[in-house]
Amino acid sequence: MPGETRRAVFAQPEWLRSIPTDVRLPEGARVVYTGCGTSFHAAQTGGRAVQALEAVLDPPDADVLVCISHEGETRLTLEAARAFDGDVWLVTGVAESPLASIASRVVVCTPEVERSWCHTASYTCAVATLAALRGEDVAWLPGAVEEALRAEVPAPAQPRVLIAGAGRDWPTAQEAALKLREGSWTPAEAYETEQLLHGYLAAVDEDVRAYVLEGSGRAQERALDAAAALQALGCETTLVPTRHPVVDVVFFQLLTLALADARGVDPDPIRRTPGSRWAAAAGSAWPI
């Protein structure tokens, strides 16, 4: 049914209030996180993270592998879990799945399976759950997301979008670009702030709409430098304040909805409607 992405975006405060907060990772354990796509972006917010294919090619040396997979069926994440010589934990949206069957601990982080393929609420719930597993106070996040959802975020006129971020904001930049590509078919690119300043600017001009995640400390200083460089190229640039990955990504979810509306795009199927080239392309790589 159309409208599932929008429904999930605005359901986030309610979903976040239901995440488990009484589970902790083993004290002193060496932990690594893995996943694919949106789940890999969530994994990066936890700490040391390895993309699932890389974890298959070279299983990480750690005590615990935390897998993130909303439905517990992501094939490469399952391969990574099977290749890992240690404890496997799973952060997911369902209690029973192929991944759950081999995990020593299953943490269900959403009240239901997200019906849109342009995952939003399942992402923020996974990120908040990873924070809770590390002992972080997450009680304030639902209210902060509720506040963030009140923002008016207009669709840009430029045909291309660039998002930059560093440190804790780098996963947000990657997830933002993915949402824009999936949900509004916008050519969006994510760059680590410092990398952006080392050659990538050559392909930037006034046809690019830029968003730079502000960060703090040295990351903030370089974010200001990046914003100044982008503006010098005639690129309309917004410095986006940051608080927490769960809160910061909401701006880009709203941007995705605004662009989808402006373009007459349904974000839910991420362009994989039956019979389309995109459905065929996804199918050629087997279920992901």
Protein backbone atom coordinates (compact mmCIF):
# COMPACT_ATOMS: atom_id res chain seq x y z
CA MET A 1 0.00 0.00 0.00
CA PRO A 2 1.38 3.47 -0.87
CA GLY A 3 2.22 5.73 2.05
CA GLU A 4 4.14 3.21 4.16
CA THR A 5 7.38 5.21 4.16
CA ARG A 6 5.62 8.32 5.40
CA ARG A 7 3.73 6.30 8.01
CA ALA A 8 6.97 4.76 9.30
CA VAL A 9 8.78 8.10 9.43
CA PHE A 10 6.09 9.64 11.63
CA ALA A 11 5.69 6.47 13.73
CA GLN A 12 9.30 6.71 14.91
CA PRO A 13 8.68 8.34 18.31
CA GLU A 14 6.21 5.57 19.19
CA TRP A 15 8.50 2.81 17.88
CA LEU A 16 11.51 4.24 19.71
CA ARG A 17 9.62 4.18 23.00
CA SER A 18 9.31 0.40 22.64
CA ILE A 19 12.95 -0.54 22.07
CA PRO A 20 14.51 -2.88 24.66
CA THR A 21 16.73 -1.01 27.13
CA ASP A 22 17.53 -3.77 29.63
CA VAL A 23 20.04 -5.78 27.58
CA ARG A 24 23.78 -5.11 27.69
CA LEU A 25 26.71 -6.45 25.73
CA PRO A 26 29.18 -8.52 27.79
CA GLU A 27 31.44 -6.24 29.77
CA GLY A 28 34.95 -6.10 28.38
CA ALA A 29 34.06 -8.07 25.23
CA ARG A 30 35.63 -7.15 21.91
CA VAL A 31 32.61 -6.32 19.77
CA VAL A 32 32.28 -5.80 16.03
CA TYR A 33 29.11 -4.92 14.15
CA THR A 34 27.99 -5.94 10.66
CA GLY A 35 25.15 -5.63 8.17
CA CYS A 36 24.34 -4.61 4.60
CA GLY A 37 22.87 -1.40 3.19
CA THR A 38 20.83 0.49 5.79
CA SER A 39 21.77 -2.12 8.38
CA PHE A 40 25.48 -1.50 7.75
CA HIS A 41 24.96 2.21 8.32
CA ALA A 42 23.28 1.33 11.62
CA ALA A 43 26.16 -1.03 12.43
CA GLN A 44 28.68 1.79 12.02
CA THR A 45 27.00 3.78 14.81
CA GLY A 46 27.82 0.97 17.25
CA GLY A 47 31.60 1.20 17.03
CA ARG A 48 33.93 -1.02 15.03
CA ALA A 49 31.91 -2.12 11.99
CA VAL A 50 32.64 -4.34 8.99
CA GLN A 51 30.41 -4.62 5.91
CA ALA A 52 29.00 -8.16 5.74
CA LEU A 53 30.85 -9.16 2.56
CA GLU A 54 34.14 -8.00 4.10
CA ALA A 55 33.32 -10.01 7.23
CA VAL A 56 32.87 -13.08 5.02
CA LEU A 57 36.14 -12.47 3.18
CA ASP A 58 38.08 -11.81 6.38
CA PRO A 59 36.17 -12.76 9.55
CA PRO A 60 36.92 -10.17 12.23
CA ASP A 61 38.96 -11.01 15.32
CA ALA A 62 36.48 -10.28 18.11
CA ASP A 63 34.49 -11.91 20.89
CA VAL A 64 31.02 -10.84 19.72
CA LEU A 65 29.65 -10.17 16.25
CA VAL A 66 26.48 -8.07 16.37
CA CYS A 67 24.50 -8.57 13.17
CA ILE A 68 21.86 -6.06 12.13
CA SER A 69 19.15 -7.38 9.79
CA HIS A 70 15.55 -6.20 9.96
CA GLU A 71 14.01 -9.48 8.82
CA GLY A 72 16.95 -11.73 9.72
CA GLU A 73 17.30 -13.04 6.17
CA THR A 74 20.08 -10.90 4.65
CA ARG A 75 22.17 -13.48 2.84
CA LEU A 76 25.64 -11.95 3.22
CA THR A 77 25.00 -11.13 6.89
CA LEU A 78 24.03 -14.76 7.41
CA GLU A 79 27.26 -15.87 5.70
CA ALA A 80 29.25 -13.49 7.93
CA ALA A 81 27.60 -14.91 11.04
CA ARG A 82 28.41 -18.47 9.95
CA ALA A 83 32.03 -17.56 9.22
CA PHE A 84 32.55 -15.87 12.58
CA ASP A 85 34.35 -17.79 15.32
CA GLY A 86 32.66 -16.36 18.39
CA ASP A 87 29.34 -15.26 19.86
CA VAL A 88 26.74 -13.96 17.38
CA TRP A 89 24.11 -11.45 18.48
CA LEU A 90 21.26 -10.27 16.27
CA VAL A 91 19.42 -6.92 16.31
CA THR A 92 16.31 -7.41 14.22
CA GLY A 93 12.58 -6.85 13.73
CA VAL A 94 11.49 -10.50 14.11
CA ALA A 95 12.17 -13.14 16.75
CA GLU A 96 12.49 -16.08 14.35
CA SER A 97 14.56 -16.09 11.17
CA PRO A 98 17.56 -17.84 9.59
CA LEU A 99 19.90 -15.44 11.41
CA ALA A 100 18.02 -15.82 14.68
CA SER A 101 18.45 -19.59 14.48
CA ILE A 102 22.24 -19.29 14.78
CA ALA A 103 22.44 -16.27 17.11
CA SER A 104 23.12 -16.76 20.79
CA ARG A 105 21.13 -13.60 21.58
CA VAL A 106 18.26 -12.10 19.57
CA VAL A 107 17.22 -8.51 20.34
CA VAL A 108 13.94 -7.49 18.68
CA CYS A 109 14.07 -3.73 18.23
CA THR A 110 10.79 -2.87 16.43
CA PRO A 111 7.13 -3.55 17.25
CA GLU A 112 6.48 -4.77 13.69
CA VAL A 113 8.26 -5.38 10.39
CA GLU A 114 8.53 -2.18 8.38
CA ARG A 115 6.42 -2.55 5.24
CA SER A 116 8.25 0.00 3.08
CA TRP A 117 11.50 -1.10 1.50
CA CYS A 118 12.78 2.43 2.08
CA HIS A 119 13.59 1.62 5.71
CA THR A 120 13.41 4.50 8.18
CA ALA A 121 11.89 3.52 11.54
CA SER A 122 13.69 0.18 11.54
CA TYR A 123 16.97 2.05 11.04
CA THR A 124 16.50 4.49 13.91
CA CYS A 125 15.26 1.72 16.21
CA ALA A 126 18.32 -0.39 15.40
CA VAL A 127 20.64 2.56 16.05
CA ALA A 128 18.92 3.34 19.37
CA THR A 129 19.04 -0.33 20.37
CA LEU A 130 22.78 -0.53 19.67
CA ALA A 131 23.24 2.54 21.86
CA ALA A 132 21.20 0.90 24.64
CA LEU A 133 23.25 -2.31 24.35
CA ARG A 134 26.33 -0.18 25.10
CA GLY A 135 24.64 1.33 28.17
CA GLU A 136 23.78 4.70 26.64
CA ASP A 137 20.74 6.61 27.95
CA VAL A 138 18.24 6.57 25.09
CA ALA A 139 15.13 7.71 26.97
CA TRP A 140 15.36 11.22 25.47
CA LEU A 141 15.47 10.09 21.85
CA PRO A 142 11.71 9.66 21.17
CA GLY A 143 10.99 13.22 22.27
CA ALA A 144 13.92 14.59 20.27
CA VAL A 145 12.72 12.77 17.14
CA GLU A 146 9.18 14.06 17.74
CA GLU A 147 10.61 17.58 17.76
CA ALA A 148 12.73 16.94 14.63
CA LEU A 149 9.64 15.73 12.75
CA ARG A 150 8.04 19.18 13.11
CA ALA A 151 10.65 20.76 10.83
CA GLU A 152 9.71 22.08 7.40
CA VAL A 153 12.21 20.61 4.95
CA PRO A 154 11.75 21.83 1.36
CA ALA A 155 12.72 19.87 -1.73
CA PRO A 156 15.80 21.39 -3.42
CA ALA A 157 15.62 22.56 -7.02
CA GLN A 158 19.07 21.20 -7.94
CA PRO A 159 19.23 17.80 -9.66
CA ARG A 160 22.06 16.42 -7.52
CA VAL A 161 22.56 16.19 -3.75
CA LEU A 162 25.76 15.88 -1.72
CA ILE A 163 25.95 15.04 1.99
CA ALA A 164 29.17 15.26 4.01
CA GLY A 165 29.90 14.16 7.55
CA ALA A 166 32.71 12.88 9.76
CA GLY A 167 33.11 10.89 12.95
CA ARG A 168 29.76 10.01 14.47
CA ASP A 169 28.04 11.79 11.58
CA TRP A 170 29.60 9.69 8.80
CA PRO A 171 27.01 6.88 9.08
CA THR A 172 24.25 9.51 8.93
CA ALA A 173 25.68 10.95 5.72
CA GLN A 174 25.71 7.49 4.14
CA GLU A 175 22.19 6.67 5.27
CA ALA A 176 20.95 10.07 4.06
CA ALA A 177 22.32 9.44 0.57
CA LEU A 178 20.79 5.97 0.48
CA LYS A 179 17.33 7.25 1.50
CA LEU A 180 17.42 9.94 -1.18
CA ARG A 181 18.45 7.43 -3.84
CA GLU A 182 15.94 4.78 -2.76
CA GLY A 183 12.99 6.96 -1.91
CA SER A 184 13.16 9.80 -4.44
CA TRP A 185 15.53 8.42 -7.12
CA THR A 186 17.78 11.43 -6.57
CA PRO A 187 21.47 11.21 -7.52
CA ALA A 188 22.81 11.65 -3.98
CA GLU A 189 26.36 11.08 -2.81
CA ALA A 190 27.85 10.81 0.68
CA TYR A 191 31.38 11.93 1.48
CA GLU A 192 33.49 11.83 4.60
CA THR A 193 34.17 15.52 5.22
CA GLU A 194 37.94 15.41 4.84
CA GLN A 195 37.78 13.18 1.75
CA LEU A 196 35.44 15.68 0.11
CA LEU A 197 38.15 18.32 0.37
CA HIS A 198 40.75 16.17 -1.39
CA GLY A 199 39.78 16.17 -5.05
CA TYR A 200 36.08 15.39 -5.04
CA LEU A 201 35.21 19.08 -5.33
CA ALA A 202 36.23 18.96 -9.00
CA ALA A 203 32.80 17.55 -9.93
CA VAL A 204 30.83 20.03 -7.78
CA ASP A 205 29.09 23.10 -9.19
CA GLU A 206 25.84 25.05 -8.88
CA ASP A 207 23.84 21.96 -9.96
CA VAL A 208 24.63 20.35 -6.60
CA ARG A 209 22.65 20.95 -3.39
CA ALA A 210 24.92 20.30 -0.41
CA TYR A 211 24.26 19.41 3.21
CA VAL A 212 27.19 19.29 5.64
CA LEU A 213 26.68 17.63 9.02
CA GLU A 214 28.17 19.99 11.58
CA GLY A 215 29.63 17.65 14.19
CA SER A 216 31.78 18.98 17.02
CA GLY A 217 35.40 19.73 17.83
CA ARG A 218 37.82 19.17 14.95
CA ALA A 219 35.05 17.64 12.83
CA GLN A 220 33.06 20.87 13.19
CA GLU A 221 36.06 22.95 12.13
CA ARG A 222 36.47 20.90 8.95
CA ALA A 223 32.70 20.95 8.35
CA LEU A 224 32.88 24.75 8.32
CA ASP A 225 35.80 24.58 5.89
CA ALA A 226 33.88 22.19 3.64
CA ALA A 227 30.78 24.40 3.68
CA ALA A 228 32.89 27.44 2.74
CA ALA A 229 34.52 25.55 -0.14
CA LEU A 230 31.17 24.36 -1.46
CA GLN A 231 29.72 27.85 -1.30
CA ALA A 232 32.75 29.23 -3.14
CA LEU A 233 31.85 26.87 -5.99
CA GLY A 234 28.33 28.34 -6.19
CA CYS A 235 26.83 25.32 -4.45
CA GLU A 236 23.84 26.07 -2.20
CA THR A 237 24.93 24.62 1.13
CA THR A 238 23.25 23.95 4.48
CA LEU A 239 25.22 23.28 7.65
CA VAL A 240 23.03 20.74 9.47
CA PRO A 241 23.29 20.79 13.31
CA THR A 242 23.91 17.37 14.88
CA ARG A 243 22.88 15.82 18.20
CA HIS A 244 22.66 12.05 17.77
CA PRO A 245 22.48 9.71 14.74
CA VAL A 246 18.88 8.76 15.59
CA VAL A 247 17.80 12.41 15.61
CA ASP A 248 20.01 13.75 12.82
CA VAL A 249 18.79 11.35 10.13
CA VAL A 250 15.20 12.61 10.49
CA PHE A 251 16.05 15.77 8.51
CA PHE A 252 17.05 13.61 5.55
CA GLN A 253 14.02 11.35 5.88
CA LEU A 254 11.84 14.46 5.58
CA LEU A 255 13.97 15.65 2.65
CA THR A 256 13.36 12.30 0.94
CA LEU A 257 9.60 12.62 1.42
CA ALA A 258 9.66 16.19 0.09
CA LEU A 259 11.62 15.18 -3.01
CA ALA A 260 9.42 12.13 -3.60
CA ASP A 261 6.32 14.34 -3.45
CA ALA A 262 7.89 16.92 -5.79
CA ARG A 263 8.80 14.23 -8.32
CA GLY A 264 5.60 12.21 -8.01
CA VAL A 265 7.55 9.18 -6.79
CA ASP A 266 6.30 6.42 -4.48
CA PRO A 267 9.25 5.79 -2.13
CA ASP A 268 7.95 2.48 -0.75
CA PRO A 269 9.14 -0.02 -3.42
CA ILE A 270 12.51 1.76 -3.98
CA ARG A 271 11.80 1.56 -7.71
CA ARG A 272 11.48 -2.24 -7.66
CA THR A 273 7.91 -2.44 -8.92
CA PRO A 274 7.20 -5.83 -10.55
CA GLY A 275 8.44 -5.97 -14.12
CA SER A 276 10.77 -2.97 -13.80
CA ARG A 277 14.46 -3.02 -14.71
CA TRP A 278 15.27 -2.24 -11.09
CA ALA A 279 13.34 -5.30 -9.87
CA ALA A 280 15.17 -7.42 -12.42
CA ALA A 281 18.53 -5.95 -11.36
CA ALA A 282 17.82 -6.67 -7.69
CA GLY A 283 16.67 -10.18 -8.54
CA SER A 284 19.83 -10.87 -10.54
CA ALA A 285 21.84 -10.43 -7.33
CA TRP A 286 19.47 -12.83 -5.48
CA PRO A 287 17.43 -11.79 -2.44
CA ILE A 288 19.30 -9.20 -0.37
